[in-house]
Amino acid sequence: MIITLIQTTIFVVYITFLLIKFKRPLPSISDSWYKLKPFHLQWIFTLVMNALGSLMTFNGDSSSVWLFASGMGLIFVGGATQFLPRKGPVPIIHFTGAAIGIGAALLGLGIDYDAWYALSIFGGLSALFYIGALIWKWKDHIWWIEIIGVISILIGLFTI
């Protein structure tokens, strides 16, 4: 529970910082690395991803390979920050890490703890945001899908 509280605090503080600094959601959370670079603050993104990932590896009981994999995925996101242009191995590492970071946590909550509601929340709300992006051409739908993913995971972690 303490680990999840620390993760929640880190995430909320970082997202709040980004919203205050840029006054709007970014195209994605990972885009914050590029947006913070002119201010020499891009290291904060790496620090946040590494902190969230490291803490995730200690979540749940010691038999949860899924939550460990999720944490490692987030650490890869923090390490492979320069995903633009989308050429070469770095974007592959970055996006694979992000998919594992969110996907493994949601699957682990379901498989290990029967907390399938976290995956249901993520799937339902993500679908709505994706459809909304198609209809209304939202530019920040990935940001919101990532936020929904993290919140869904945190809800699951708080309830296991």
Protein backbone atom coordinates (compact mmCIF):
# COMPACT_ATOMS: atom_id res chain seq x y z
CA MET A 1 0.00 0.00 0.00
CA ILE A 2 2.86 2.40 0.83
CA ILE A 3 4.51 1.70 -2.52
CA THR A 4 1.26 2.45 -4.35
CA LEU A 5 0.85 5.69 -2.39
CA ILE A 6 4.36 6.76 -3.36
CA GLN A 7 3.70 5.87 -7.02
CA THR A 8 0.43 7.81 -6.96
CA THR A 9 2.14 10.85 -5.45
CA ILE A 10 4.94 10.79 -8.04
CA PHE A 11 2.46 10.43 -10.90
CA VAL A 12 0.07 13.14 -9.69
CA VAL A 13 2.90 15.60 -8.97
CA TYR A 14 4.46 15.02 -12.41
CA ILE A 15 1.20 15.33 -14.34
CA THR A 16 0.24 18.43 -12.33
CA PHE A 17 3.69 19.93 -13.02
CA LEU A 18 3.25 19.30 -16.76
CA LEU A 19 -0.25 20.78 -16.84
CA ILE A 20 0.89 23.89 -14.95
CA LYS A 21 4.04 24.31 -17.08
CA PHE A 22 2.40 23.76 -20.48
CA LYS A 23 -1.18 24.80 -19.61
CA ARG A 24 -2.67 21.87 -21.53
CA PRO A 25 -2.29 18.13 -22.00
CA LEU A 26 0.56 17.11 -24.29
CA PRO A 27 0.19 14.65 -27.18
CA SER A 28 1.49 11.96 -24.79
CA ILE A 29 3.22 11.76 -21.44
CA SER A 30 6.41 10.70 -23.24
CA ASP A 31 6.30 13.90 -25.29
CA SER A 32 7.09 15.72 -22.05
CA TRP A 33 10.74 14.64 -22.50
CA TYR A 34 10.89 16.74 -25.68
CA LYS A 35 8.87 19.62 -24.21
CA LEU A 36 11.10 19.78 -21.13
CA LYS A 37 14.37 19.54 -23.08
CA PRO A 38 14.61 23.30 -23.92
CA PHE A 39 14.45 23.98 -20.17
CA HIS A 40 17.09 21.30 -19.44
CA LEU A 41 14.48 19.42 -17.41
CA GLN A 42 14.05 16.33 -19.60
CA TRP A 43 15.79 14.28 -16.93
CA ILE A 44 12.63 14.61 -14.81
CA PHE A 45 10.75 12.35 -17.25
CA THR A 46 13.47 9.71 -16.98
CA LEU A 47 13.50 10.01 -13.20
CA VAL A 48 9.71 9.67 -12.98
CA MET A 49 9.56 6.63 -15.29
CA ASN A 50 12.45 4.95 -13.47
CA ALA A 51 10.89 5.67 -10.07
CA LEU A 52 7.45 4.39 -11.11
CA GLY A 53 9.01 1.33 -12.76
CA SER A 54 11.33 0.51 -9.88
CA LEU A 55 8.51 0.79 -7.39
CA MET A 56 6.24 -1.35 -9.59
CA THR A 57 8.73 -4.21 -9.41
CA PHE A 58 8.06 -4.34 -5.65
CA ASN A 59 4.26 -4.19 -5.90
CA GLY A 60 2.09 -7.20 -5.18
CA ASP A 61 3.53 -10.38 -3.78
CA SER A 62 6.85 -11.81 -4.84
CA SER A 63 5.25 -14.28 -7.26
CA SER A 64 3.83 -11.60 -9.56
CA VAL A 65 5.96 -11.80 -12.68
CA TRP A 66 3.44 -9.49 -14.39
CA LEU A 67 3.96 -6.53 -12.07
CA PHE A 68 7.73 -7.03 -12.25
CA ALA A 69 7.53 -7.03 -16.07
CA SER A 70 5.39 -3.88 -15.93
CA GLY A 71 8.04 -2.14 -13.85
CA MET A 72 10.78 -3.18 -16.24
CA GLY A 73 8.72 -1.87 -19.15
CA LEU A 74 8.43 1.54 -17.49
CA ILE A 75 12.16 1.59 -16.83
CA PHE A 76 12.75 0.93 -20.55
CA VAL A 77 10.44 3.88 -21.36
CA GLY A 78 12.57 6.06 -19.09
CA GLY A 79 15.76 4.84 -20.75
CA ALA A 80 14.65 5.01 -24.39
CA THR A 81 13.38 8.56 -24.28
CA GLN A 82 14.18 9.81 -27.79
CA PHE A 83 11.47 8.05 -29.78
CA LEU A 84 11.28 10.73 -32.48
CA PRO A 85 11.85 10.32 -35.36
CA ARG A 86 10.32 6.88 -35.33
CA LYS A 87 13.36 5.16 -36.84
CA GLY A 88 15.82 2.68 -35.41
CA PRO A 89 15.70 0.66 -32.20
CA VAL A 90 14.96 3.42 -29.65
CA PRO A 91 11.29 3.94 -30.64
CA ILE A 92 10.76 0.17 -30.68
CA ILE A 93 12.20 -0.11 -27.16
CA HIS A 94 10.21 2.90 -25.98
CA PHE A 95 6.82 1.82 -27.33
CA THR A 96 7.33 -1.84 -26.39
CA GLY A 97 8.25 -0.74 -22.88
CA ALA A 98 5.14 1.42 -22.66
CA ALA A 99 2.90 -1.42 -23.86
CA ILE A 100 4.48 -3.82 -21.38
CA GLY A 101 4.36 -1.20 -18.62
CA ILE A 102 0.60 -0.78 -18.91
CA GLY A 103 -0.40 -4.15 -20.38
CA ALA A 104 1.54 -6.38 -17.99
CA ALA A 105 0.25 -4.50 -14.95
CA LEU A 106 -3.37 -4.79 -16.09
CA LEU A 107 -2.96 -8.47 -16.99
CA GLY A 108 -1.16 -9.15 -13.72
CA LEU A 109 -3.91 -7.53 -11.69
CA GLY A 110 -6.41 -9.77 -13.45
CA ILE A 111 -4.45 -13.02 -13.53
CA ASP A 112 -2.75 -12.85 -10.13
CA TYR A 113 -5.41 -10.99 -8.12
CA ASP A 114 -8.65 -11.48 -10.07
CA ALA A 115 -8.90 -7.68 -10.37
CA TRP A 116 -10.15 -7.69 -13.96
CA TYR A 117 -12.08 -4.48 -13.34
CA ALA A 118 -8.82 -2.53 -13.84
CA LEU A 119 -8.51 -3.89 -17.38
CA SER A 120 -12.24 -3.28 -17.94
CA ILE A 121 -11.97 0.35 -16.84
CA PHE A 122 -8.96 0.87 -19.09
CA GLY A 123 -10.50 -0.88 -22.08
CA GLY A 124 -13.86 0.87 -21.87
CA LEU A 125 -12.59 4.40 -21.29
CA SER A 126 -9.73 4.03 -23.79
CA ALA A 127 -12.17 2.93 -26.47
CA LEU A 128 -14.30 6.02 -25.79
CA PHE A 129 -11.31 8.33 -26.04
CA TYR A 130 -10.07 6.63 -29.20
CA ILE A 131 -13.48 6.93 -30.86
CA GLY A 132 -13.67 10.55 -29.72
CA ALA A 133 -10.27 11.20 -31.27
CA LEU A 134 -11.44 9.75 -34.57
CA ILE A 135 -14.66 11.74 -34.61
CA TRP A 136 -13.46 15.08 -33.22
CA LYS A 137 -9.76 14.87 -34.22
CA TRP A 138 -8.45 15.19 -30.66
CA LYS A 139 -4.69 15.66 -30.64
CA ASP A 140 -4.15 14.59 -27.02
CA HIS A 141 -6.06 11.30 -26.91
CA ILE A 142 -2.87 9.28 -26.29
CA TRP A 143 -2.19 11.44 -23.22
CA TRP A 144 -5.66 10.64 -21.86
CA ILE A 145 -5.39 6.94 -22.68
CA GLU A 146 -2.08 6.83 -20.78
CA ILE A 147 -3.66 8.67 -17.84
CA ILE A 148 -6.57 6.21 -17.86
CA GLY A 149 -4.07 3.33 -17.95
CA VAL A 150 -2.14 4.57 -14.94
CA ILE A 151 -5.29 5.40 -12.97
CA SER A 152 -6.76 1.96 -13.77
CA ILE A 153 -3.57 0.31 -12.55
CA LEU A 154 -3.49 2.41 -9.38
CA ILE A 155 -7.12 1.57 -8.65
CA GLY A 156 -6.26 -2.10 -9.05
CA LEU A 157 -3.16 -1.84 -6.85
CA PHE A 158 -5.06 -0.04 -4.10
CA THR A 159 -7.71 -2.74 -4.01
CA ILE A 160 -5.58 -5.91 -4.08
